[in-house]
N, C-alpha and C. Protein backbone atom coordinates (compact mmCIF):
# COMPACT_ATOMS: atom_id res chain seq x y z
N UNK A 1 75.19 -25.35 45.42
CA UNK A 1 75.28 -26.10 46.64
C UNK A 1 74.94 -27.56 46.34
N UNK A 2 75.75 -28.44 46.82
CA UNK A 2 75.49 -29.87 46.71
C UNK A 2 75.65 -30.48 48.09
N UNK A 3 74.81 -31.45 48.38
CA UNK A 3 74.88 -32.20 49.62
C UNK A 3 74.87 -33.67 49.26
N UNK A 4 75.38 -34.49 50.16
CA UNK A 4 75.38 -35.92 49.86
C UNK A 4 75.09 -36.77 51.09
N UNK A 5 74.71 -37.98 50.81
CA UNK A 5 74.53 -39.02 51.82
C UNK A 5 74.99 -40.32 51.19
N UNK A 6 75.35 -41.26 52.03
CA UNK A 6 75.85 -42.54 51.55
C UNK A 6 75.05 -43.68 52.19
N UNK A 7 74.69 -44.64 51.38
CA UNK A 7 74.03 -45.85 51.86
C UNK A 7 74.95 -47.03 51.58
N UNK A 8 75.12 -47.88 52.59
CA UNK A 8 75.89 -49.11 52.44
C UNK A 8 74.97 -50.25 52.86
N UNK A 9 74.81 -51.23 51.99
CA UNK A 9 73.91 -52.36 52.24
C UNK A 9 74.70 -53.65 52.15
N UNK A 10 74.38 -54.58 53.05
CA UNK A 10 75.01 -55.91 53.02
C UNK A 10 73.94 -56.97 53.16
N UNK A 11 73.97 -57.94 52.29
CA UNK A 11 73.05 -59.06 52.37
C UNK A 11 71.84 -58.91 51.48
N UNK A 12 70.94 -59.86 51.62
CA UNK A 12 69.72 -59.87 50.82
C UNK A 12 68.75 -58.79 51.32
N UNK A 13 67.69 -58.59 50.57
CA UNK A 13 66.72 -57.55 50.95
C UNK A 13 66.13 -57.81 52.33
N UNK A 14 65.62 -59.00 52.56
CA UNK A 14 64.92 -59.28 53.82
C UNK A 14 65.84 -59.57 54.99
N UNK A 15 66.95 -60.22 54.75
CA UNK A 15 67.85 -60.56 55.86
C UNK A 15 69.00 -59.58 56.02
N UNK A 16 69.24 -58.77 55.01
CA UNK A 16 70.37 -57.85 55.06
C UNK A 16 70.08 -56.62 55.89
N UNK A 17 71.05 -55.73 55.91
CA UNK A 17 70.92 -54.48 56.65
C UNK A 17 71.83 -53.44 56.02
N UNK A 18 71.50 -52.20 56.28
CA UNK A 18 72.29 -51.13 55.72
C UNK A 18 72.59 -50.06 56.76
N UNK A 19 73.46 -49.15 56.35
CA UNK A 19 73.81 -48.00 57.19
C UNK A 19 73.81 -46.76 56.32
N UNK A 20 73.26 -45.69 56.86
CA UNK A 20 73.18 -44.41 56.16
C UNK A 20 74.06 -43.40 56.88
N UNK A 21 74.80 -42.63 56.10
CA UNK A 21 75.63 -41.56 56.65
C UNK A 21 75.42 -40.31 55.81
N UNK A 22 75.18 -39.20 56.48
CA UNK A 22 75.01 -37.93 55.78
C UNK A 22 76.30 -37.12 55.87
N UNK A 23 76.41 -36.19 54.95
CA UNK A 23 77.59 -35.34 54.89
C UNK A 23 77.85 -34.65 56.22
N UNK A 24 76.80 -34.19 56.88
CA UNK A 24 76.94 -33.47 58.16
C UNK A 24 77.23 -34.40 59.33
N UNK A 25 77.10 -35.70 59.11
CA UNK A 25 77.25 -36.73 60.14
C UNK A 25 76.09 -36.75 61.13
N UNK A 26 75.00 -36.03 60.82
CA UNK A 26 73.81 -36.14 61.66
C UNK A 26 73.36 -37.59 61.67
N UNK A 27 73.38 -38.21 60.51
CA UNK A 27 73.24 -39.66 60.43
C UNK A 27 74.64 -40.19 60.21
N UNK A 28 75.08 -41.05 61.10
CA UNK A 28 76.44 -41.57 61.02
C UNK A 28 76.38 -43.08 61.22
N UNK A 29 76.38 -43.81 60.12
CA UNK A 29 76.20 -45.25 60.15
C UNK A 29 74.88 -45.63 60.83
N UNK A 30 73.84 -44.87 60.51
CA UNK A 30 72.51 -45.12 61.07
C UNK A 30 71.90 -46.34 60.40
N UNK A 31 71.44 -47.25 61.21
CA UNK A 31 70.90 -48.53 60.75
C UNK A 31 69.58 -48.37 60.00
N UNK A 32 69.44 -49.13 58.92
CA UNK A 32 68.15 -49.31 58.26
C UNK A 32 68.10 -50.71 57.67
N UNK A 33 66.89 -51.23 57.53
CA UNK A 33 66.73 -52.61 57.08
C UNK A 33 65.32 -52.81 56.54
N UNK A 34 65.06 -54.02 56.07
CA UNK A 34 63.72 -54.38 55.62
C UNK A 34 62.74 -54.19 56.77
N UNK A 35 63.13 -54.61 57.97
CA UNK A 35 62.24 -54.49 59.13
C UNK A 35 61.94 -53.04 59.47
N UNK A 36 62.93 -52.15 59.38
CA UNK A 36 62.67 -50.75 59.71
C UNK A 36 61.84 -50.07 58.63
N UNK A 37 61.82 -50.65 57.45
CA UNK A 37 61.07 -50.06 56.36
C UNK A 37 59.65 -50.60 56.26
N UNK A 38 59.49 -51.91 56.43
CA UNK A 38 58.20 -52.52 56.17
C UNK A 38 57.55 -53.17 57.40
N UNK A 39 58.28 -53.25 58.48
CA UNK A 39 57.76 -53.84 59.71
C UNK A 39 58.09 -52.89 60.85
N UNK A 40 58.44 -53.43 61.98
CA UNK A 40 58.88 -52.61 63.11
C UNK A 40 60.29 -53.05 63.48
N UNK A 41 61.20 -52.13 63.43
CA UNK A 41 62.57 -52.44 63.78
C UNK A 41 63.29 -51.18 64.22
N UNK A 42 64.48 -51.35 64.77
CA UNK A 42 65.27 -50.22 65.24
C UNK A 42 66.06 -49.66 64.07
N UNK A 43 65.91 -48.38 63.84
CA UNK A 43 66.60 -47.72 62.74
C UNK A 43 65.65 -46.84 61.96
N UNK A 44 66.10 -46.37 60.82
CA UNK A 44 65.31 -45.46 60.00
C UNK A 44 64.93 -46.17 58.69
N UNK A 45 64.37 -45.39 57.77
CA UNK A 45 64.03 -45.91 56.45
C UNK A 45 63.92 -44.74 55.48
N UNK A 46 63.99 -45.01 54.17
CA UNK A 46 63.97 -43.92 53.20
C UNK A 46 62.73 -43.03 53.28
N UNK A 47 61.56 -43.62 53.53
CA UNK A 47 60.34 -42.81 53.57
C UNK A 47 60.35 -41.86 54.76
N UNK A 48 60.85 -42.32 55.89
CA UNK A 48 60.98 -41.46 57.07
C UNK A 48 61.92 -40.29 56.78
N UNK A 49 62.98 -40.56 56.06
CA UNK A 49 63.94 -39.51 55.71
C UNK A 49 63.35 -38.51 54.72
N UNK A 50 62.57 -39.00 53.76
CA UNK A 50 61.88 -38.11 52.83
C UNK A 50 60.88 -37.24 53.59
N UNK A 51 60.16 -37.84 54.54
CA UNK A 51 59.20 -37.08 55.36
C UNK A 51 59.92 -35.98 56.13
N UNK A 52 61.06 -36.29 56.72
CA UNK A 52 61.82 -35.28 57.46
C UNK A 52 62.30 -34.17 56.53
N UNK A 53 62.78 -34.56 55.35
CA UNK A 53 63.26 -33.57 54.39
C UNK A 53 62.12 -32.67 53.93
N UNK A 54 60.95 -33.25 53.64
CA UNK A 54 59.84 -32.44 53.15
C UNK A 54 59.30 -31.52 54.25
N UNK A 55 59.17 -32.05 55.46
CA UNK A 55 58.70 -31.21 56.58
C UNK A 55 59.65 -30.05 56.83
N UNK A 56 60.94 -30.33 56.85
CA UNK A 56 61.93 -29.28 57.10
C UNK A 56 62.00 -28.25 56.00
N UNK A 57 62.02 -28.70 54.77
CA UNK A 57 62.11 -27.80 53.62
C UNK A 57 60.87 -26.91 53.52
N UNK A 58 59.70 -27.52 53.60
CA UNK A 58 58.44 -26.77 53.53
C UNK A 58 58.37 -25.73 54.63
N UNK A 59 58.73 -26.10 55.86
CA UNK A 59 58.65 -25.18 56.99
C UNK A 59 59.58 -23.99 56.80
N UNK A 60 60.77 -24.23 56.30
CA UNK A 60 61.70 -23.13 56.02
C UNK A 60 61.16 -22.22 54.91
N UNK A 61 60.60 -22.83 53.86
CA UNK A 61 60.05 -22.03 52.75
C UNK A 61 58.88 -21.19 53.23
N UNK A 62 57.99 -21.76 54.03
CA UNK A 62 56.86 -21.01 54.58
C UNK A 62 57.36 -19.87 55.46
N UNK A 63 58.37 -20.13 56.26
CA UNK A 63 58.96 -19.09 57.11
C UNK A 63 59.48 -17.93 56.26
N UNK A 64 60.12 -18.24 55.15
CA UNK A 64 60.64 -17.20 54.26
C UNK A 64 59.51 -16.35 53.70
N UNK A 65 58.44 -17.01 53.24
CA UNK A 65 57.32 -16.26 52.65
C UNK A 65 56.60 -15.41 53.69
N UNK A 66 56.41 -15.93 54.88
CA UNK A 66 55.75 -15.16 55.95
C UNK A 66 56.60 -13.95 56.32
N UNK A 67 57.89 -14.14 56.45
CA UNK A 67 58.81 -13.06 56.80
C UNK A 67 58.84 -11.99 55.71
N UNK A 68 58.85 -12.42 54.43
CA UNK A 68 58.82 -11.47 53.31
C UNK A 68 57.59 -10.58 53.35
N UNK A 69 56.49 -11.11 53.88
CA UNK A 69 55.24 -10.34 53.98
C UNK A 69 55.22 -9.44 55.21
N UNK A 70 56.27 -9.51 56.03
CA UNK A 70 56.39 -8.62 57.18
C UNK A 70 55.75 -9.10 58.47
N UNK A 71 55.42 -10.38 58.54
CA UNK A 71 54.81 -10.92 59.76
C UNK A 71 55.87 -11.55 60.65
N UNK A 72 55.61 -11.57 61.96
CA UNK A 72 56.54 -12.14 62.91
C UNK A 72 56.07 -13.54 63.30
N UNK A 73 56.96 -14.49 63.17
CA UNK A 73 56.66 -15.89 63.45
C UNK A 73 57.08 -16.23 64.87
N UNK A 74 56.13 -16.78 65.63
CA UNK A 74 56.48 -17.33 66.94
C UNK A 74 56.90 -18.79 66.77
N UNK A 75 56.12 -19.54 66.01
CA UNK A 75 56.47 -20.94 65.79
C UNK A 75 55.70 -21.52 64.60
N UNK A 76 56.32 -22.49 63.97
CA UNK A 76 55.68 -23.31 62.94
C UNK A 76 56.09 -24.74 63.22
N UNK A 77 55.13 -25.63 63.28
CA UNK A 77 55.41 -27.06 63.47
C UNK A 77 54.74 -27.84 62.34
N UNK A 78 55.53 -28.63 61.63
CA UNK A 78 55.02 -29.37 60.48
C UNK A 78 55.31 -30.86 60.63
N UNK A 79 54.30 -31.65 60.40
CA UNK A 79 54.45 -33.11 60.32
C UNK A 79 54.21 -33.50 58.88
N UNK A 80 55.04 -34.40 58.38
CA UNK A 80 54.87 -34.90 57.02
C UNK A 80 54.65 -36.41 57.09
N UNK A 81 53.59 -36.86 56.44
CA UNK A 81 53.31 -38.29 56.31
C UNK A 81 53.51 -38.70 54.87
N UNK A 82 54.42 -39.63 54.66
CA UNK A 82 54.70 -40.18 53.34
C UNK A 82 53.93 -41.49 53.22
N UNK A 83 53.20 -41.65 52.12
CA UNK A 83 52.40 -42.86 51.90
C UNK A 83 53.06 -43.68 50.79
N UNK A 84 53.59 -44.84 51.16
CA UNK A 84 54.22 -45.77 50.23
C UNK A 84 53.27 -46.93 50.00
N UNK A 85 52.87 -47.13 48.75
CA UNK A 85 51.98 -48.24 48.41
C UNK A 85 52.49 -48.90 47.14
N UNK A 86 52.58 -50.22 47.19
CA UNK A 86 53.00 -51.02 46.04
C UNK A 86 54.31 -50.51 45.44
N UNK A 87 55.24 -50.13 46.31
CA UNK A 87 56.56 -49.71 45.84
C UNK A 87 56.64 -48.29 45.30
N UNK A 88 55.60 -47.49 45.49
CA UNK A 88 55.59 -46.11 44.99
C UNK A 88 55.13 -45.17 46.09
N UNK A 89 55.84 -44.07 46.25
CA UNK A 89 55.37 -43.02 47.15
C UNK A 89 54.25 -42.32 46.41
N UNK A 90 53.03 -42.43 46.95
CA UNK A 90 51.88 -41.86 46.24
C UNK A 90 51.47 -40.50 46.79
N UNK A 91 51.92 -40.17 47.99
CA UNK A 91 51.56 -38.85 48.50
C UNK A 91 52.47 -38.42 49.63
N UNK A 92 52.49 -37.12 49.83
CA UNK A 92 53.18 -36.49 50.95
C UNK A 92 52.20 -35.50 51.54
N UNK A 93 51.76 -35.76 52.75
CA UNK A 93 50.77 -34.90 53.40
C UNK A 93 51.44 -34.09 54.50
N UNK A 94 51.30 -32.79 54.39
CA UNK A 94 51.87 -31.86 55.37
C UNK A 94 50.77 -31.39 56.32
N UNK A 95 50.99 -31.57 57.59
CA UNK A 95 50.05 -31.15 58.63
C UNK A 95 50.80 -30.15 59.48
N UNK A 96 50.30 -28.92 59.55
CA UNK A 96 51.06 -27.92 60.29
C UNK A 96 50.19 -27.04 61.15
N UNK A 97 50.83 -26.46 62.14
CA UNK A 97 50.21 -25.44 62.97
C UNK A 97 51.25 -24.35 63.16
N UNK A 98 50.76 -23.12 63.25
CA UNK A 98 51.68 -21.99 63.36
C UNK A 98 51.10 -20.90 64.23
N UNK A 99 52.00 -20.18 64.87
CA UNK A 99 51.64 -18.96 65.59
C UNK A 99 52.36 -17.82 64.89
N UNK A 100 51.57 -16.95 64.26
CA UNK A 100 52.12 -15.84 63.50
C UNK A 100 51.34 -14.59 63.87
N UNK A 101 52.02 -13.61 64.40
CA UNK A 101 51.36 -12.39 64.87
C UNK A 101 50.77 -11.59 63.71
N UNK A 102 49.48 -11.26 63.82
CA UNK A 102 48.83 -10.33 62.91
C UNK A 102 48.43 -10.86 61.55
N UNK A 103 48.68 -12.11 61.24
CA UNK A 103 48.36 -12.63 59.91
C UNK A 103 46.89 -13.09 59.88
N UNK A 104 46.23 -12.83 58.77
CA UNK A 104 44.84 -13.31 58.61
C UNK A 104 44.87 -14.77 58.16
N UNK A 105 43.77 -15.46 58.39
CA UNK A 105 43.65 -16.85 57.96
C UNK A 105 43.82 -16.95 56.44
N UNK A 106 43.23 -16.02 55.70
CA UNK A 106 43.32 -16.02 54.24
C UNK A 106 44.76 -15.87 53.76
N UNK A 107 45.49 -14.92 54.32
CA UNK A 107 46.89 -14.69 53.94
C UNK A 107 47.75 -15.89 54.32
N UNK A 108 47.50 -16.45 55.50
CA UNK A 108 48.24 -17.61 55.95
C UNK A 108 48.06 -18.79 54.98
N UNK A 109 46.83 -19.08 54.62
CA UNK A 109 46.56 -20.20 53.70
C UNK A 109 47.18 -19.95 52.33
N UNK A 110 47.16 -18.70 51.89
CA UNK A 110 47.80 -18.34 50.61
C UNK A 110 49.29 -18.66 50.65
N UNK A 111 49.95 -18.29 51.75
CA UNK A 111 51.38 -18.53 51.87
C UNK A 111 51.70 -20.01 52.06
N UNK A 112 50.83 -20.75 52.74
CA UNK A 112 51.01 -22.20 52.87
C UNK A 112 50.98 -22.85 51.49
N UNK A 113 50.01 -22.49 50.68
CA UNK A 113 49.89 -23.05 49.32
C UNK A 113 51.12 -22.68 48.49
N UNK A 114 51.57 -21.45 48.61
CA UNK A 114 52.75 -21.00 47.87
C UNK A 114 53.99 -21.80 48.30
N UNK A 115 54.14 -22.03 49.60
CA UNK A 115 55.28 -22.81 50.10
C UNK A 115 55.19 -24.26 49.65
N UNK A 116 53.99 -24.81 49.69
CA UNK A 116 53.77 -26.20 49.27
C UNK A 116 54.22 -26.40 47.83
N UNK A 117 53.97 -25.43 46.99
CA UNK A 117 54.31 -25.54 45.57
C UNK A 117 55.77 -25.18 45.27
N UNK A 118 56.41 -24.42 46.15
CA UNK A 118 57.72 -23.87 45.83
C UNK A 118 58.89 -24.38 46.64
N UNK A 119 58.67 -25.17 47.68
CA UNK A 119 59.84 -25.67 48.40
C UNK A 119 60.55 -26.69 47.50
N UNK A 120 61.87 -26.72 47.53
CA UNK A 120 62.62 -27.60 46.64
C UNK A 120 62.26 -29.08 46.75
N UNK A 121 61.92 -29.56 47.93
CA UNK A 121 61.56 -30.97 48.07
C UNK A 121 60.19 -31.23 47.43
N UNK A 122 59.24 -30.29 47.55
CA UNK A 122 57.96 -30.44 46.86
C UNK A 122 58.19 -30.56 45.36
N UNK A 123 59.08 -29.75 44.84
CA UNK A 123 59.37 -29.79 43.41
C UNK A 123 60.04 -31.10 43.01
N UNK A 124 60.79 -31.69 43.92
CA UNK A 124 61.49 -32.93 43.64
C UNK A 124 60.56 -34.13 43.59
N UNK A 125 59.60 -34.18 44.48
CA UNK A 125 58.74 -35.35 44.59
C UNK A 125 57.82 -35.50 43.39
N UNK A 126 57.75 -36.70 42.86
CA UNK A 126 56.84 -37.00 41.77
C UNK A 126 55.65 -37.72 42.39
N UNK A 127 54.97 -37.00 43.26
CA UNK A 127 53.84 -37.57 43.99
C UNK A 127 52.85 -36.47 44.30
N UNK A 128 51.66 -36.88 44.66
CA UNK A 128 50.66 -35.91 45.10
C UNK A 128 51.14 -35.31 46.42
N UNK A 129 51.15 -34.00 46.49
CA UNK A 129 51.55 -33.30 47.71
C UNK A 129 50.36 -32.50 48.18
N UNK A 130 50.06 -32.66 49.44
CA UNK A 130 48.94 -31.92 50.01
C UNK A 130 49.34 -31.33 51.35
N UNK A 131 48.57 -30.37 51.80
CA UNK A 131 48.85 -29.79 53.11
C UNK A 131 47.54 -29.55 53.83
N UNK A 132 47.64 -29.55 55.13
CA UNK A 132 46.52 -29.23 56.00
C UNK A 132 47.08 -28.30 57.05
N UNK A 133 46.74 -27.03 56.98
CA UNK A 133 47.37 -26.03 57.83
C UNK A 133 46.39 -25.51 58.88
N UNK A 134 46.93 -25.25 60.06
CA UNK A 134 46.12 -24.72 61.15
C UNK A 134 46.87 -23.54 61.74
N UNK A 135 46.22 -22.41 61.78
CA UNK A 135 46.78 -21.20 62.38
C UNK A 135 46.32 -21.15 63.82
N UNK A 136 47.27 -21.05 64.75
CA UNK A 136 46.94 -21.01 66.18
C UNK A 136 46.84 -19.58 66.67
C-alpha cells in the first residue's frame, strides 16, 4: 500500500505560501504558510499533520490490540502534541482516554505501551515518543 500527498509552494519562506493536497482529497489545496507554521494564520502546517497522523495511527493500533485481547471498546480519544524546537521535532506526546469494558488498568497500560511502540507512525518518527493514558 502506498499513499501520497502533494505540496506546492510559491515565493520565499516568510512571504510565500503553499497548498497541500492528499490522495483522498481530504486536504485539497489546503493553505499553509510561514504564519500557519510559526505564528498564527489560517491554514495547516506539517507538525499539525504529523500530530494528526500519529494520533490516528496510534488509536487504530491500540484498538487492534484491545480487540485482539477480546475486550469491547466504547471509545478511544487521543490527542497528539508535536514539539518542534530549533528546526527539529523533538517529541510526540500522546494523551488519551478510553472506555473499554472489563479491561484492568494494568492490561490497558500494557496495550497502550505496545501500541505506542508498534504503530507505523511511531516507528517512522525519529523523535522521543511518549504517551499518557487514562482509562475512563
